[in-house]
Amino acid sequence: MLEAGILPDRVTWTAILNACSHTEAKDAISSMPFEPGPAVLQDILTGCQIQGNVDFGIQAAKRLIELRPHREGGYVLLSNVYATAGRWNDVAGVRILMRDRGVFK
């Protein structure tokens, strides 16, 4: 695309991330010409849950929660990543954090 003079937009990056594995996604994110927004971060979190990549999922969730601290999406996806990894104490911790911040599913 770049060689053809076409700059990818957020929709294009989301499609690329959906097509990539989590390792390829890390590289794609670091080369983005813009800061990944909530939609991209949610896609990353979903991929991390599927791939079982807890560490990368935690990073993406923290960024998503920073961007939207009063929306449940980041918390729920982070909880799902932890659940997939069998980290039930961390799942409970996310639920407590949501309650403390007044965020409900």
N, C-alpha and C. Protein backbone atom coordinates (compact mmCIF):
# COMPACT_ATOMS: atom_id res chain seq x y z
N MET A 1 0.83 -1.19 0.00
CA MET A 1 0.00 0.00 0.00
C MET A 1 0.87 1.25 0.00
N LEU A 2 1.88 1.23 0.86
CA LEU A 2 2.74 2.41 0.95
C LEU A 2 3.48 2.67 -0.36
N GLU A 3 3.91 1.60 -1.02
CA GLU A 3 4.60 1.76 -2.30
C GLU A 3 3.68 2.34 -3.36
N ALA A 4 2.38 2.09 -3.23
CA ALA A 4 1.41 2.63 -4.17
C ALA A 4 0.95 4.04 -3.76
N GLY A 5 1.52 4.54 -2.65
CA GLY A 5 1.15 5.88 -2.20
C GLY A 5 -0.15 5.94 -1.42
N ILE A 6 -0.61 4.78 -0.93
CA ILE A 6 -1.85 4.73 -0.17
C ILE A 6 -1.50 4.53 1.30
N LEU A 7 -1.96 5.45 2.15
CA LEU A 7 -1.73 5.32 3.58
C LEU A 7 -2.86 4.53 4.22
N PRO A 8 -2.52 3.50 4.98
CA PRO A 8 -3.56 2.71 5.65
C PRO A 8 -4.25 3.53 6.74
N ASP A 9 -5.55 3.34 6.86
CA ASP A 9 -6.30 4.02 7.92
C ASP A 9 -6.56 3.03 9.06
N ARG A 10 -7.34 3.47 10.03
CA ARG A 10 -7.62 2.61 11.19
C ARG A 10 -8.35 1.32 10.81
N VAL A 11 -9.24 1.40 9.85
CA VAL A 11 -9.97 0.20 9.41
C VAL A 11 -9.00 -0.80 8.80
N THR A 12 -8.07 -0.31 7.99
CA THR A 12 -7.07 -1.18 7.37
C THR A 12 -6.22 -1.86 8.44
N TRP A 13 -5.78 -1.09 9.44
CA TRP A 13 -4.96 -1.66 10.50
C TRP A 13 -5.73 -2.72 11.29
N THR A 14 -7.01 -2.47 11.52
CA THR A 14 -7.82 -3.45 12.23
C THR A 14 -7.90 -4.75 11.43
N ALA A 15 -8.08 -4.63 10.14
CA ALA A 15 -8.12 -5.82 9.28
C ALA A 15 -6.79 -6.56 9.30
N ILE A 16 -5.70 -5.82 9.28
CA ILE A 16 -4.37 -6.43 9.34
C ILE A 16 -4.20 -7.19 10.65
N LEU A 17 -4.58 -6.55 11.75
CA LEU A 17 -4.44 -7.19 13.06
C LEU A 17 -5.28 -8.46 13.16
N ASN A 18 -6.47 -8.42 12.59
CA ASN A 18 -7.32 -9.61 12.61
C ASN A 18 -6.70 -10.75 11.83
N ALA A 19 -5.94 -10.42 10.81
CA ALA A 19 -5.33 -11.44 9.96
C ALA A 19 -4.00 -11.95 10.53
N CYS A 20 -3.46 -11.26 11.50
CA CYS A 20 -2.15 -11.60 12.03
C CYS A 20 -2.24 -12.41 13.32
N SER A 21 -1.17 -13.10 13.61
CA SER A 21 -1.06 -13.71 14.94
C SER A 21 -0.63 -12.63 15.91
N HIS A 22 -0.62 -12.94 17.20
CA HIS A 22 -0.30 -11.92 18.20
C HIS A 22 1.13 -11.40 18.05
N THR A 23 2.11 -12.26 17.63
CA THR A 23 3.48 -11.79 17.44
C THR A 23 3.55 -10.82 16.27
N GLU A 24 2.88 -11.16 15.14
CA GLU A 24 2.87 -10.24 14.01
C GLU A 24 2.15 -8.95 14.38
N ALA A 25 1.11 -9.07 15.26
CA ALA A 25 0.35 -7.89 15.68
C ALA A 25 1.23 -6.92 16.46
N LYS A 26 2.11 -7.44 17.34
CA LYS A 26 3.01 -6.56 18.09
C LYS A 26 3.84 -5.72 17.13
N ASP A 27 4.37 -6.36 16.10
CA ASP A 27 5.18 -5.64 15.12
C ASP A 27 4.34 -4.61 14.36
N ALA A 28 3.12 -5.01 13.99
CA ALA A 28 2.24 -4.08 13.27
C ALA A 28 1.90 -2.87 14.11
N ILE A 29 1.62 -3.09 15.38
CA ILE A 29 1.26 -1.98 16.27
C ILE A 29 2.41 -1.01 16.43
N SER A 30 3.61 -1.54 16.60
CA SER A 30 4.77 -0.66 16.79
C SER A 30 5.08 0.15 15.55
N SER A 31 4.62 -0.29 14.38
CA SER A 31 4.90 0.45 13.15
C SER A 31 3.74 1.33 12.69
N MET A 32 2.65 1.36 13.47
CA MET A 32 1.49 2.18 13.08
C MET A 32 1.86 3.65 13.04
N PRO A 33 1.33 4.39 12.08
CA PRO A 33 1.61 5.82 12.01
C PRO A 33 0.71 6.64 12.95
N PHE A 34 -0.05 5.97 13.81
CA PHE A 34 -0.92 6.64 14.78
C PHE A 34 -1.01 5.76 16.03
N GLU A 35 -1.45 6.37 17.12
CA GLU A 35 -1.65 5.62 18.36
C GLU A 35 -2.88 4.71 18.21
N PRO A 36 -2.75 3.42 18.53
CA PRO A 36 -3.91 2.54 18.39
C PRO A 36 -5.05 2.99 19.29
N GLY A 37 -6.24 3.05 18.73
CA GLY A 37 -7.42 3.47 19.46
C GLY A 37 -8.14 2.29 20.08
N PRO A 38 -9.27 2.57 20.71
CA PRO A 38 -10.03 1.51 21.39
C PRO A 38 -10.41 0.33 20.50
N ALA A 39 -10.81 0.57 19.27
CA ALA A 39 -11.21 -0.54 18.39
C ALA A 39 -10.04 -1.47 18.12
N VAL A 40 -8.88 -0.92 17.85
CA VAL A 40 -7.69 -1.74 17.60
C VAL A 40 -7.30 -2.50 18.87
N LEU A 41 -7.33 -1.80 20.01
CA LEU A 41 -6.98 -2.45 21.27
C LEU A 41 -7.94 -3.58 21.62
N GLN A 42 -9.22 -3.39 21.34
CA GLN A 42 -10.19 -4.46 21.58
C GLN A 42 -9.91 -5.67 20.69
N ASP A 43 -9.54 -5.42 19.44
CA ASP A 43 -9.18 -6.53 18.55
C ASP A 43 -7.95 -7.27 19.07
N ILE A 44 -6.99 -6.51 19.57
CA ILE A 44 -5.77 -7.12 20.12
C ILE A 44 -6.13 -7.99 21.32
N LEU A 45 -6.97 -7.46 22.20
CA LEU A 45 -7.37 -8.21 23.38
C LEU A 45 -8.11 -9.50 23.01
N THR A 46 -8.97 -9.42 22.04
CA THR A 46 -9.68 -10.62 21.59
C THR A 46 -8.69 -11.65 21.06
N GLY A 47 -7.73 -11.20 20.27
CA GLY A 47 -6.69 -12.09 19.76
C GLY A 47 -5.84 -12.68 20.88
N CYS A 48 -5.54 -11.88 21.88
CA CYS A 48 -4.75 -12.37 23.01
C CYS A 48 -5.51 -13.44 23.78
N GLN A 49 -6.81 -13.26 23.90
CA GLN A 49 -7.62 -14.26 24.59
C GLN A 49 -7.59 -15.58 23.80
N ILE A 50 -7.76 -15.49 22.51
CA ILE A 50 -7.77 -16.68 21.65
C ILE A 50 -6.40 -17.37 21.68
N GLN A 51 -5.33 -16.58 21.61
CA GLN A 51 -3.98 -17.13 21.54
C GLN A 51 -3.40 -17.45 22.92
N GLY A 52 -4.05 -16.99 23.98
CA GLY A 52 -3.52 -17.21 25.33
C GLY A 52 -2.32 -16.35 25.65
N ASN A 53 -2.20 -15.21 24.99
CA ASN A 53 -1.06 -14.31 25.21
C ASN A 53 -1.42 -13.31 26.31
N VAL A 54 -1.26 -13.73 27.55
CA VAL A 54 -1.68 -12.94 28.70
C VAL A 54 -0.88 -11.64 28.81
N ASP A 55 0.44 -11.72 28.68
CA ASP A 55 1.27 -10.53 28.88
C ASP A 55 0.91 -9.40 27.91
N PHE A 56 0.78 -9.73 26.64
CA PHE A 56 0.43 -8.71 25.65
C PHE A 56 -1.00 -8.23 25.87
N GLY A 57 -1.88 -9.15 26.26
CA GLY A 57 -3.26 -8.79 26.55
C GLY A 57 -3.37 -7.81 27.70
N ILE A 58 -2.56 -8.02 28.73
CA ILE A 58 -2.55 -7.11 29.87
C ILE A 58 -2.13 -5.72 29.44
N GLN A 59 -1.09 -5.63 28.61
CA GLN A 59 -0.62 -4.32 28.13
C GLN A 59 -1.71 -3.61 27.34
N ALA A 60 -2.35 -4.34 26.45
CA ALA A 60 -3.41 -3.73 25.63
C ALA A 60 -4.59 -3.32 26.49
N ALA A 61 -4.94 -4.15 27.47
CA ALA A 61 -6.08 -3.84 28.35
C ALA A 61 -5.80 -2.60 29.18
N LYS A 62 -4.61 -2.49 29.70
CA LYS A 62 -4.28 -1.30 30.50
C LYS A 62 -4.40 -0.03 29.66
N ARG A 63 -3.96 -0.11 28.44
CA ARG A 63 -4.06 1.07 27.55
C ARG A 63 -5.52 1.37 27.24
N LEU A 64 -6.31 0.33 26.97
CA LEU A 64 -7.73 0.52 26.68
C LEU A 64 -8.45 1.10 27.89
N ILE A 65 -8.13 0.61 29.07
CA ILE A 65 -8.75 1.12 30.29
C ILE A 65 -8.35 2.57 30.53
N GLU A 66 -7.10 2.94 30.19
CA GLU A 66 -6.68 4.34 30.29
C GLU A 66 -7.51 5.22 29.37
N LEU A 67 -7.77 4.73 28.16
CA LEU A 67 -8.54 5.52 27.19
C LEU A 67 -10.02 5.61 27.55
N ARG A 68 -10.56 4.54 28.13
CA ARG A 68 -11.99 4.48 28.45
C ARG A 68 -12.19 3.87 29.85
N PRO A 69 -11.81 4.62 30.89
CA PRO A 69 -11.85 4.06 32.25
C PRO A 69 -13.25 3.76 32.77
N HIS A 70 -14.27 4.37 32.19
CA HIS A 70 -15.63 4.15 32.68
C HIS A 70 -16.46 3.26 31.76
N ARG A 71 -15.80 2.63 30.79
CA ARG A 71 -16.49 1.69 29.90
C ARG A 71 -16.05 0.28 30.26
N GLU A 72 -16.96 -0.66 30.21
CA GLU A 72 -16.69 -2.01 30.69
C GLU A 72 -15.84 -2.86 29.76
N GLY A 73 -15.73 -2.49 28.49
CA GLY A 73 -15.08 -3.34 27.50
C GLY A 73 -13.68 -3.81 27.85
N GLY A 74 -12.82 -2.90 28.22
CA GLY A 74 -11.44 -3.25 28.55
C GLY A 74 -11.34 -4.18 29.74
N TYR A 75 -12.15 -3.90 30.75
CA TYR A 75 -12.15 -4.73 31.95
C TYR A 75 -12.63 -6.16 31.64
N VAL A 76 -13.71 -6.25 30.89
CA VAL A 76 -14.28 -7.56 30.56
C VAL A 76 -13.30 -8.37 29.71
N LEU A 77 -12.69 -7.72 28.72
CA LEU A 77 -11.73 -8.43 27.88
C LEU A 77 -10.49 -8.86 28.68
N LEU A 78 -10.04 -7.99 29.59
CA LEU A 78 -8.91 -8.37 30.44
C LEU A 78 -9.28 -9.56 31.31
N SER A 79 -10.46 -9.52 31.88
CA SER A 79 -10.95 -10.64 32.69
C SER A 79 -10.98 -11.92 31.86
N ASN A 80 -11.42 -11.82 30.62
CA ASN A 80 -11.46 -12.99 29.74
C ASN A 80 -10.07 -13.55 29.44
N VAL A 81 -9.10 -12.65 29.24
CA VAL A 81 -7.72 -13.09 29.00
C VAL A 81 -7.21 -13.86 30.22
N TYR A 82 -7.45 -13.30 31.40
CA TYR A 82 -7.04 -13.99 32.64
C TYR A 82 -7.75 -15.34 32.77
N ALA A 83 -9.05 -15.37 32.49
CA ALA A 83 -9.82 -16.62 32.62
C ALA A 83 -9.29 -17.69 31.67
N THR A 84 -8.97 -17.29 30.45
CA THR A 84 -8.42 -18.23 29.48
C THR A 84 -7.11 -18.84 29.99
N ALA A 85 -6.34 -18.04 30.73
CA ALA A 85 -5.07 -18.52 31.29
C ALA A 85 -5.26 -19.24 32.63
N GLY A 86 -6.50 -19.30 33.11
CA GLY A 86 -6.75 -19.95 34.39
C GLY A 86 -6.31 -19.14 35.59
N ARG A 87 -6.17 -17.85 35.42
CA ARG A 87 -5.72 -16.96 36.50
C ARG A 87 -6.94 -16.37 37.22
N TRP A 88 -7.60 -17.20 38.00
CA TRP A 88 -8.88 -16.84 38.60
C TRP A 88 -8.77 -15.74 39.65
N ASN A 89 -7.65 -15.66 40.37
CA ASN A 89 -7.47 -14.57 41.32
C ASN A 89 -7.40 -13.22 40.60
N ASP A 90 -6.75 -13.22 39.44
CA ASP A 90 -6.68 -11.99 38.65
C ASP A 90 -8.04 -11.62 38.07
N VAL A 91 -8.83 -12.63 37.68
CA VAL A 91 -10.20 -12.38 37.22
C VAL A 91 -10.98 -11.68 38.32
N ALA A 92 -10.88 -12.21 39.54
CA ALA A 92 -11.58 -11.60 40.68
C ALA A 92 -11.08 -10.18 40.93
N GLY A 93 -9.78 -9.96 40.76
CA GLY A 93 -9.22 -8.63 40.95
C GLY A 93 -9.77 -7.61 39.96
N VAL A 94 -9.96 -8.04 38.72
CA VAL A 94 -10.53 -7.15 37.71
C VAL A 94 -11.97 -6.81 38.08
N ARG A 95 -12.72 -7.80 38.54
CA ARG A 95 -14.12 -7.56 38.94
C ARG A 95 -14.19 -6.59 40.11
N ILE A 96 -13.27 -6.73 41.07
CA ILE A 96 -13.23 -5.81 42.21
C ILE A 96 -12.88 -4.40 41.73
N LEU A 97 -11.92 -4.29 40.82
CA LEU A 97 -11.55 -2.99 40.26
C LEU A 97 -12.74 -2.33 39.57
N MET A 98 -13.49 -3.12 38.82
CA MET A 98 -14.68 -2.59 38.16
C MET A 98 -15.67 -2.06 39.19
N ARG A 99 -15.91 -2.85 40.22
CA ARG A 99 -16.86 -2.43 41.26
C ARG A 99 -16.39 -1.15 41.93
N ASP A 100 -15.09 -1.09 42.27
CA ASP A 100 -14.55 0.08 42.94
C ASP A 100 -14.63 1.34 42.09
N ARG A 101 -14.54 1.16 40.77
CA ARG A 101 -14.61 2.31 39.85
C ARG A 101 -16.02 2.59 39.35
N GLY A 102 -16.98 1.80 39.81
CA GLY A 102 -18.37 2.01 39.40
C GLY A 102 -18.65 1.62 37.97
N VAL A 103 -17.89 0.65 37.47
CA VAL A 103 -18.07 0.17 36.10
C VAL A 103 -18.80 -1.15 36.17
N PHE A 104 -19.90 -1.27 35.41
CA PHE A 104 -20.71 -2.48 35.46
C PHE A 104 -20.84 -3.09 34.08
N LYS A 105 -20.91 -4.41 34.06
CA LYS A 105 -21.03 -5.18 32.82
C LYS A 105 -22.46 -5.15 32.35
